[in-house]
């Protein structure tokens, strides 16, 4: 199973929602070691320390690119970073 989380809050350092997002991703990875937890954002951010099943994927940042993009494309390995 793949679990996708919008990691846009992680692009701004030291925010409450950013910390919540990071901890949610870490704990989901630990609680479900058989699942792949994918963090999706259109902007770069510092990689998280976490379980081996936690990874980052970059989604398109430009409006015209977002028209074709869906969360499923990143879950299936497109645009990985």
Protein backbone atom coordinates (compact mmCIF):
# COMPACT_ATOMS: atom_id res chain seq x y z
CA UNK A 1 0.00 0.00 0.00
CA UNK A 2 1.19 3.55 -0.71
CA UNK A 3 0.21 6.46 1.51
CA UNK A 4 0.59 9.95 0.01
CA UNK A 5 0.85 13.07 2.19
CA UNK A 6 0.98 16.69 0.99
CA UNK A 7 4.31 17.89 2.39
CA UNK A 8 3.96 21.55 1.37
CA UNK A 9 3.90 22.61 5.08
CA UNK A 10 7.48 21.27 5.37
CA UNK A 11 8.73 23.94 2.94
CA UNK A 12 8.37 26.63 5.64
CA UNK A 13 10.64 25.93 8.63
CA UNK A 14 9.44 26.01 12.23
CA UNK A 15 5.67 25.88 11.79
CA UNK A 16 3.21 23.86 13.82
CA UNK A 17 1.54 22.28 10.80
CA UNK A 18 4.98 21.46 9.37
CA UNK A 19 5.98 19.64 12.53
CA UNK A 20 2.65 17.83 12.60
CA UNK A 21 3.10 16.72 8.97
CA UNK A 22 6.64 15.48 9.64
CA UNK A 23 5.62 13.53 12.75
CA UNK A 24 2.57 12.08 11.00
CA UNK A 25 4.74 10.81 8.14
CA UNK A 26 7.34 9.33 10.51
CA UNK A 27 4.77 7.57 12.67
CA UNK A 28 2.80 6.22 9.71
CA UNK A 29 6.04 4.76 8.35
CA UNK A 30 6.81 3.11 11.69
CA UNK A 31 3.26 1.88 12.26
CA UNK A 32 2.94 0.42 8.75
CA UNK A 33 6.36 -0.94 7.73
CA UNK A 34 4.80 -2.80 4.79
CA UNK A 35 3.42 0.48 3.33
CA UNK A 36 5.35 3.12 1.38
CA UNK A 37 4.78 6.63 2.76
CA UNK A 38 5.30 9.27 0.04
CA UNK A 39 5.64 12.98 0.85
CA UNK A 40 4.53 15.19 -2.07
CA UNK A 41 5.41 18.85 -2.57
CA UNK A 42 5.96 21.29 -5.42
CA UNK A 43 8.81 22.96 -3.52
CA UNK A 44 12.06 21.67 -2.09
CA UNK A 45 12.42 21.04 1.63
CA UNK A 46 14.86 19.35 3.97
CA UNK A 47 14.60 15.57 3.83
CA UNK A 48 13.16 13.88 6.89
CA UNK A 49 14.89 11.29 9.00
CA UNK A 50 12.60 8.35 9.30
CA UNK A 51 11.96 4.73 8.53
CA UNK A 52 13.21 3.26 5.23
CA UNK A 53 9.68 3.20 3.76
CA UNK A 54 9.42 7.03 3.91
CA UNK A 55 10.33 8.87 0.70
CA UNK A 56 9.88 12.25 -0.98
CA UNK A 57 8.42 12.93 -4.43
CA UNK A 58 8.33 16.23 -6.28
CA UNK A 59 5.08 17.27 -7.95
CA UNK A 60 4.93 19.92 -10.68
CA UNK A 61 5.06 23.49 -9.39
CA UNK A 62 3.86 25.34 -12.51
CA UNK A 63 0.14 25.78 -13.06
CA UNK A 64 0.19 24.27 -16.57
CA UNK A 65 2.01 21.19 -15.27
CA UNK A 66 -0.53 20.69 -12.48
CA UNK A 67 -3.32 20.26 -15.02
CA UNK A 68 -2.12 16.77 -15.94
CA UNK A 69 -0.59 15.82 -12.61
CA UNK A 70 -2.48 13.79 -10.06
CA UNK A 71 -1.38 12.43 -6.68
CA UNK A 72 -1.46 8.96 -8.23
CA UNK A 73 1.33 9.79 -10.71
CA UNK A 74 3.77 10.48 -7.87
CA UNK A 75 2.64 7.41 -5.98
CA UNK A 76 3.56 5.28 -8.97
CA UNK A 77 7.11 6.64 -9.14
CA UNK A 78 6.84 9.63 -11.49
CA UNK A 79 8.87 12.74 -10.63
CA UNK A 80 10.74 11.20 -7.69
CA UNK A 81 13.43 13.15 -5.90
